[in-house]
Amino acid sequence: MANQSRGCSAGRPSGALTRHTLGHSRVEVTALGFGGAAVAGLFHPVGEENAAATIEAAWAEGVRYFDTAPHYGLGLSERRLGAVLRAKPRSEYVISTKVGRLLEPYHGGGDDLEHGFAVPATHRRVWDFSADGVRRSLEESLTRLGLDRVDLALIHDPDDHGEQAFHEAYPELERLRAEGVVRAIGAGMNQTAMLTRFLTDTDVDAVLCAGRYTLLEQPALAELLPAALDRGKSVIVGGVFNSGLLADPGPDATYNYTAAPAELLQRALRMREIAEAGGIPLRAAALHFPFGHPAVASVLTGGRSAAEVRDSVEALNRPVPAEVWDRLRGDTLISGHVPVPEAR
């Protein structure tokens, strides 16, 4: 079994600070990227000083890829990331943001928890995948960030707006790339089918796939990842903990932001048992896992504290013993055809 496990490994190095190029672009991202939703009050408030300290900790640990979106905290993520990154050498980091939701002023009061963010509802989101909407979205993002460019622009969650995304948003991103406003383009979603279409039908550099390539589930392995590999494009993986279940499985653990089903909780608990018997925390195996596939360029993790950021860096820098992957296969917790990283 050990030879089978290692024989199926064909991925990329997964040390947190290893750099990978996105597709055919010249954009290099660190294997560990910083996802900017949590510092914008995802589910729970995060104070200004704590958010800044968290982003600074990522920088101090060597993380050089930062991802954000207007959706995250109604622009708060972009403002907070920009406030820290503006003081850093611009050539040393990569930042991605997203298009598809414009922010319109709202004066009705209340909070934004309906959309998952513990921030005042100062704006409302308006879906817009038109060419004008894409350009306006990026201009407003640059204003919030206080930067003159972003490196990667992603079409964000176009699930119900596919035709406009392909026929208007994508061509506009192509033009913006040609103009040098952005260096690379792509799409980010929680599903695989439309992301695969972006890879096969357009000239995107990368896609961001959240929650669909994890230790618990690998639907991206059927078509999405092979399509990326065949075309020399890259996949950024988000949601590697399936919203918490693979970070800390327990009675209160969540899966896809709701209570974890009993069957999945039992699988995660068994995975934790195997990982800890191999001397590593389950979250380390979860962070390493996507790099078993050579199309994966980076894994995004969010953090709401400096300690969480340091923990992610440490976990991705710890080798996963081959026997952990072997035992996961032996217990059929992951399939024998699923590639796993080489033990370092």
Protein backbone atom coordinates (compact mmCIF):
# COMPACT_ATOMS: atom_id res chain seq x y z
CA MET A 1 0.00 0.00 0.00
CA ALA A 2 2.84 2.39 0.77
CA ASN A 3 4.23 2.07 -2.73
CA GLN A 4 0.80 2.65 -4.24
CA SER A 5 0.35 5.82 -2.22
CA ARG A 6 3.69 7.29 -3.17
CA GLY A 7 3.32 6.11 -6.75
CA CYS A 8 0.11 8.15 -7.10
CA SER A 9 1.83 11.31 -5.95
CA ALA A 10 2.58 13.81 -8.68
CA GLY A 11 1.90 17.15 -7.07
CA ARG A 12 3.77 20.32 -6.35
CA PRO A 13 5.90 21.27 -3.33
CA SER A 14 3.63 22.47 -0.55
CA GLY A 15 5.86 24.38 1.85
CA ALA A 16 3.98 27.54 2.78
CA LEU A 17 6.40 29.90 1.08
CA THR A 18 7.02 27.86 -2.08
CA ARG A 19 6.02 29.92 -5.12
CA HIS A 20 4.01 28.71 -8.10
CA THR A 21 3.16 30.57 -11.30
CA LEU A 22 -0.50 30.98 -12.26
CA GLY A 23 -1.06 29.36 -15.63
CA HIS A 24 0.73 31.10 -18.48
CA SER A 25 0.89 34.42 -16.66
CA ARG A 26 3.89 35.85 -14.85
CA VAL A 27 2.02 36.01 -11.55
CA GLU A 28 3.69 34.00 -8.80
CA VAL A 29 1.77 33.10 -5.65
CA THR A 30 2.95 31.54 -2.42
CA ALA A 31 1.63 28.04 -1.80
CA LEU A 32 -0.21 29.44 1.22
CA GLY A 33 -2.43 32.40 0.47
CA PHE A 34 -4.22 34.67 2.92
CA GLY A 35 -8.00 34.72 2.46
CA GLY A 36 -9.42 38.08 3.48
CA ALA A 37 -12.99 37.17 4.49
CA ALA A 38 -12.36 36.41 8.16
CA VAL A 39 -10.69 39.75 8.96
CA ALA A 40 -13.78 41.45 7.51
CA GLY A 41 -16.00 40.01 10.23
CA LEU A 42 -17.04 36.66 8.76
CA PHE A 43 -19.75 35.51 11.22
CA HIS A 44 -18.08 37.32 14.14
CA PRO A 45 -16.75 40.89 14.56
CA VAL A 46 -13.02 41.48 14.19
CA GLY A 47 -11.60 44.73 15.51
CA GLU A 48 -9.44 47.05 13.42
CA GLU A 49 -6.24 46.47 15.41
CA ASN A 50 -6.70 42.72 15.49
CA ALA A 51 -7.34 42.61 11.73
CA ALA A 52 -4.20 44.65 11.04
CA ALA A 53 -2.13 42.44 13.35
CA THR A 54 -3.43 39.34 11.57
CA ILE A 55 -2.47 40.64 8.13
CA GLU A 56 0.91 41.79 9.44
CA ALA A 57 1.49 38.31 10.89
CA ALA A 58 0.86 36.76 7.47
CA TRP A 59 3.42 39.13 5.98
CA ALA A 60 5.94 38.43 8.75
CA GLU A 61 5.57 34.69 8.13
CA GLY A 62 6.37 35.17 4.46
CA VAL A 63 2.91 34.86 2.92
CA ARG A 64 2.83 36.94 -0.25
CA TYR A 65 -0.52 36.10 -1.80
CA PHE A 66 -3.60 37.90 -0.48
CA ASP A 67 -7.15 37.35 -1.71
CA THR A 68 -10.14 39.61 -1.13
CA ALA A 69 -13.47 40.69 -2.65
CA PRO A 70 -16.03 43.51 -2.39
CA HIS A 71 -18.45 40.92 -0.98
CA TYR A 72 -16.29 40.38 2.12
CA GLY A 73 -17.62 42.68 4.80
CA LEU A 74 -19.11 45.10 2.23
CA GLY A 75 -15.65 46.26 1.19
CA LEU A 76 -14.11 46.07 4.65
CA SER A 77 -11.73 43.29 3.64
CA GLU A 78 -10.34 45.36 0.77
CA ARG A 79 -9.93 48.43 2.98
CA ARG A 80 -8.17 46.49 5.73
CA LEU A 81 -5.85 44.61 3.40
CA GLY A 82 -5.03 47.78 1.51
CA ALA A 83 -4.21 49.68 4.70
CA VAL A 84 -1.49 47.15 5.54
CA LEU A 85 -0.23 46.27 2.06
CA ARG A 86 0.16 49.88 0.91
CA ALA A 87 3.16 50.10 3.23
CA LYS A 88 4.81 47.04 1.64
CA PRO A 89 6.92 46.90 -1.54
CA ARG A 90 4.37 46.47 -4.33
CA SER A 91 6.57 44.11 -6.33
CA GLU A 92 6.81 41.65 -3.46
CA TYR A 93 3.19 40.52 -3.15
CA VAL A 94 0.24 39.40 -5.23
CA ILE A 95 -3.33 40.46 -4.53
CA SER A 96 -6.53 39.15 -6.07
CA THR A 97 -9.99 40.61 -5.88
CA LYS A 98 -13.29 39.80 -7.53
CA VAL A 99 -16.00 41.22 -9.77
CA GLY A 100 -19.72 40.55 -10.06
CA ARG A 101 -21.10 42.35 -7.03
CA LEU A 102 -21.25 46.16 -6.95
CA LEU A 103 -21.72 47.92 -3.61
CA GLU A 104 -24.48 50.54 -3.52
CA PRO A 105 -24.97 52.84 -0.49
CA TYR A 106 -27.75 51.72 1.84
CA HIS A 107 -29.24 53.76 4.66
CA GLY A 108 -31.65 51.26 6.15
CA GLY A 109 -29.46 50.39 9.13
CA GLY A 110 -28.97 46.99 10.68
CA ASP A 111 -26.14 44.53 10.10
CA ASP A 112 -24.96 42.29 7.30
CA LEU A 113 -25.23 38.93 9.09
CA GLU A 114 -27.80 37.77 6.56
CA HIS A 115 -24.85 37.61 4.17
CA GLY A 116 -22.48 36.21 6.78
CA PHE A 117 -20.63 39.33 7.94
CA ALA A 118 -20.83 40.99 11.35
CA VAL A 119 -20.55 44.53 10.00
CA PRO A 120 -23.02 47.41 9.68
CA ALA A 121 -25.20 47.21 6.57
CA THR A 122 -23.88 50.44 5.04
CA HIS A 123 -24.22 49.11 1.50
CA ARG A 124 -26.17 46.55 -0.46
CA ARG A 125 -24.80 44.16 -3.04
CA VAL A 126 -26.02 44.42 -6.64
CA TRP A 127 -25.21 41.60 -9.05
CA ASP A 128 -23.59 42.97 -12.20
CA PHE A 129 -21.58 40.89 -14.66
CA SER A 130 -21.80 43.44 -17.47
CA ALA A 131 -18.67 44.87 -19.05
CA ASP A 132 -19.33 48.26 -17.47
CA GLY A 133 -20.02 46.59 -14.13
CA VAL A 134 -16.71 44.72 -14.24
CA ARG A 135 -14.70 47.85 -14.98
CA ARG A 136 -16.56 49.85 -12.35
CA SER A 137 -16.10 47.07 -9.79
CA LEU A 138 -12.34 47.01 -10.29
CA GLU A 139 -12.08 50.80 -10.15
CA GLU A 140 -13.97 50.84 -6.84
CA SER A 141 -11.87 47.99 -5.48
CA LEU A 142 -8.69 49.90 -6.30
CA THR A 143 -10.07 52.91 -4.45
CA ARG A 144 -10.83 50.81 -1.36
CA LEU A 145 -7.44 49.10 -1.53
CA GLY A 146 -5.59 52.32 -2.23
CA LEU A 147 -3.56 50.55 -4.93
CA ASP A 148 -3.01 51.28 -8.61
CA ARG A 149 -3.53 47.70 -9.75
CA VAL A 150 -4.47 44.21 -8.67
CA ASP A 151 -2.67 41.16 -9.96
CA LEU A 152 -5.54 38.72 -10.39
CA ALA A 153 -9.21 39.53 -11.05
CA LEU A 154 -11.76 36.75 -10.56
CA ILE A 155 -15.39 36.56 -11.68
CA HIS A 156 -17.13 35.87 -8.37
CA ASP A 157 -19.98 33.36 -7.96
CA PRO A 158 -21.65 33.70 -11.38
CA ASP A 159 -23.76 30.57 -10.73
CA ASP A 160 -27.05 32.21 -11.73
CA HIS A 161 -25.51 34.60 -14.25
CA GLY A 162 -23.52 32.25 -16.45
CA GLU A 163 -24.28 33.66 -19.86
CA GLN A 164 -23.61 37.26 -18.87
CA ALA A 165 -20.42 36.15 -17.11
CA PHE A 166 -19.12 34.39 -20.23
CA HIS A 167 -20.32 36.89 -22.83
CA GLU A 168 -19.73 40.20 -21.02
CA ALA A 169 -17.68 39.88 -17.82
CA TYR A 170 -15.04 37.55 -19.22
CA PRO A 171 -14.33 39.55 -22.45
CA GLU A 172 -13.98 42.68 -20.33
CA LEU A 173 -11.45 40.98 -18.09
CA GLU A 174 -9.55 39.95 -21.22
CA ARG A 175 -9.45 43.60 -22.29
CA LEU A 176 -8.32 44.71 -18.84
CA ARG A 177 -5.55 42.13 -18.92
CA ALA A 178 -4.45 43.34 -22.34
CA GLU A 179 -4.43 46.92 -21.02
CA GLY A 180 -2.28 45.89 -18.05
CA VAL A 181 -4.89 46.87 -15.48
CA VAL A 182 -4.68 43.27 -14.19
CA ARG A 183 -1.96 40.70 -14.79
CA ALA A 184 -4.08 37.55 -14.68
CA ILE A 185 -7.79 36.68 -14.82
CA GLY A 186 -10.08 33.87 -13.77
CA ALA A 187 -13.21 32.90 -11.86
CA GLY A 188 -13.97 31.85 -8.29
CA MET A 189 -16.85 29.59 -7.26
CA ASN A 190 -18.03 26.87 -4.90
CA GLN A 191 -18.88 24.49 -7.76
CA THR A 192 -16.83 22.69 -10.38
CA ALA A 193 -18.97 22.49 -13.53
CA MET A 194 -18.91 26.16 -14.50
CA LEU A 195 -15.29 26.55 -13.42
CA THR A 196 -14.42 23.71 -15.78
CA ARG A 197 -16.18 25.58 -18.56
CA PHE A 198 -14.08 28.65 -17.83
CA LEU A 199 -10.97 26.50 -18.18
CA THR A 200 -12.04 24.86 -21.44
CA ASP A 201 -13.89 27.70 -23.18
CA THR A 202 -11.88 30.79 -22.23
CA ASP A 203 -8.30 31.94 -21.81
CA VAL A 204 -8.36 32.39 -18.02
CA ASP A 205 -5.08 31.95 -16.16
CA ALA A 206 -6.52 30.37 -13.03
CA VAL A 207 -9.70 29.46 -11.18
CA LEU A 208 -10.45 29.53 -7.47
CA CYS A 209 -12.36 26.43 -6.36
CA ALA A 210 -13.73 26.59 -2.81
CA GLY A 211 -14.68 23.50 -0.82
CA ARG A 212 -14.70 21.02 -3.68
CA TYR A 213 -11.22 19.57 -3.36
CA THR A 214 -10.62 18.56 0.24
CA LEU A 215 -9.83 15.47 2.26
CA LEU A 216 -13.58 14.92 2.60
CA GLU A 217 -14.65 15.40 -1.01
CA GLN A 218 -12.96 15.65 -4.39
CA PRO A 219 -15.50 16.41 -7.16
CA ALA A 220 -12.90 18.72 -8.72
CA LEU A 221 -10.84 15.65 -9.57
CA ALA A 222 -13.34 14.42 -12.18
CA GLU A 223 -13.07 17.23 -14.75
CA LEU A 224 -11.84 20.51 -13.28
CA LEU A 225 -8.31 19.55 -12.28
CA PRO A 226 -7.61 17.47 -15.41
CA ALA A 227 -8.85 20.34 -17.58
CA ALA A 228 -6.51 22.76 -15.82
CA LEU A 229 -3.57 20.40 -16.16
CA ASP A 230 -4.25 19.69 -19.84
CA ARG A 231 -4.33 23.40 -20.64
CA GLY A 232 -1.47 24.56 -18.46
CA LYS A 233 -3.76 26.56 -16.17
CA SER A 234 -3.81 26.78 -12.39
CA VAL A 235 -6.27 26.04 -9.62
CA ILE A 236 -6.33 27.92 -6.33
CA VAL A 237 -8.08 25.90 -3.64
CA GLY A 238 -10.17 27.50 -0.91
CA GLY A 239 -12.28 25.99 1.85
CA VAL A 240 -9.83 23.17 2.60
CA PHE A 241 -11.37 22.74 6.05
CA ASN A 242 -14.93 22.49 4.64
CA SER A 243 -15.81 25.54 6.79
CA GLY A 244 -14.41 24.03 9.98
CA LEU A 245 -15.04 20.29 10.05
CA LEU A 246 -11.49 19.39 9.03
CA ALA A 247 -9.93 22.00 11.30
CA ASP A 248 -11.52 20.85 14.54
CA PRO A 249 -14.04 18.00 14.20
CA GLY A 250 -16.44 17.85 17.12
CA PRO A 251 -20.12 18.12 18.06
CA ASP A 252 -20.28 21.79 17.11
CA ALA A 253 -18.28 21.48 13.89
CA THR A 254 -19.70 22.98 10.71
CA TYR A 255 -19.64 21.69 7.15
CA ASN A 256 -20.37 24.16 4.36
CA TYR A 257 -21.36 26.64 7.08
CA THR A 258 -24.11 24.46 8.58
CA ALA A 259 -24.09 21.73 11.24
CA ALA A 260 -21.93 18.83 10.07
CA PRO A 261 -23.89 15.67 9.15
CA ALA A 262 -23.18 12.76 11.51
CA GLU A 263 -21.61 10.57 8.80
CA LEU A 264 -19.15 13.28 7.75
CA LEU A 265 -18.32 14.05 11.38
CA GLN A 266 -17.44 10.40 11.99
CA ARG A 267 -15.20 10.37 8.90
CA ALA A 268 -13.44 13.53 10.05
CA LEU A 269 -12.93 12.12 13.55
CA ARG A 270 -11.37 8.97 12.11
CA MET A 271 -9.14 11.12 9.88
CA ARG A 272 -8.04 13.10 12.93
CA GLU A 273 -7.22 9.86 14.77
CA ILE A 274 -5.03 8.68 11.90
CA ALA A 275 -3.30 12.04 11.47
CA GLU A 276 -2.52 12.39 15.17
CA ALA A 277 -1.20 8.82 15.29
CA GLY A 278 1.20 9.96 12.57
CA GLY A 279 2.32 12.91 14.68
CA ILE A 280 0.50 15.72 12.86
CA PRO A 281 -2.78 17.60 13.40
CA LEU A 282 -5.61 16.89 10.98
CA ARG A 283 -5.52 20.48 9.74
CA ALA A 284 -1.95 19.90 8.50
CA ALA A 285 -3.06 16.95 6.38
CA ALA A 286 -6.00 19.02 5.10
CA LEU A 287 -3.71 21.87 4.07
CA HIS A 288 -1.21 19.59 2.34
CA PHE A 289 -3.78 17.41 0.57
CA PRO A 290 -4.61 19.64 -2.46
CA PHE A 291 -0.95 19.80 -3.50
CA GLY A 292 -1.09 16.15 -4.46
CA HIS A 293 -2.43 17.41 -7.78
CA PRO A 294 0.05 19.31 -9.99
CA ALA A 295 -2.56 21.83 -11.19
CA VAL A 296 -2.94 23.28 -7.67
CA ALA A 297 -0.90 26.45 -7.23
CA SER A 298 -2.05 27.77 -3.86
CA VAL A 299 -4.31 27.05 -0.91
CA LEU A 300 -6.17 29.92 0.76
CA THR A 301 -6.83 29.98 4.47
CA GLY A 302 -8.54 32.72 6.40
CA GLY A 303 -7.43 33.92 9.79
CA ARG A 304 -8.94 36.22 12.36
CA SER A 305 -5.85 36.34 14.58
CA ALA A 306 -2.10 36.32 14.25
CA ALA A 307 -2.00 32.97 16.07
CA GLU A 308 -4.28 31.36 13.46
CA VAL A 309 -2.05 32.61 10.65
CA ARG A 310 1.10 31.30 12.30
CA ASP A 311 -0.60 27.97 12.90
CA SER A 312 -1.45 27.61 9.19
CA VAL A 313 2.12 28.41 8.14
CA GLU A 314 3.52 25.93 10.65
CA ALA A 315 1.05 23.24 9.56
CA LEU A 316 1.90 23.58 5.88
CA ASN A 317 5.61 23.55 6.64
CA ARG A 318 5.31 20.24 8.54
CA PRO A 319 5.77 17.16 6.35
CA VAL A 320 2.93 14.64 6.33
CA PRO A 321 4.38 11.15 6.81
CA ALA A 322 3.61 8.73 3.95
CA GLU A 323 2.03 6.33 6.43
CA VAL A 324 -0.72 8.88 7.15
CA TRP A 325 -1.79 8.86 3.51
CA ASP A 326 -1.45 5.07 3.44
CA ARG A 327 -3.72 4.63 6.45
CA LEU A 328 -6.28 7.07 5.06
CA ARG A 329 -6.35 4.97 1.90
CA GLY A 330 -6.40 1.72 3.82
CA ASP A 331 -9.47 2.83 5.74
CA THR A 332 -11.01 3.97 2.42
CA LEU A 333 -11.28 7.49 3.82
CA ILE A 334 -9.71 8.67 0.57
CA SER A 335 -9.84 6.69 -2.65
CA GLY A 336 -6.81 4.93 -4.05
CA HIS A 337 -7.01 6.97 -7.27
CA VAL A 338 -6.80 10.32 -5.49
CA PRO A 339 -3.26 11.77 -5.71
CA VAL A 340 -1.57 12.74 -2.46
CA PRO A 341 1.55 14.82 -1.87
CA GLU A 342 4.97 13.26 -1.73
CA ALA A 343 6.32 12.93 1.79
CA ARG A 344 9.14 15.45 2.26
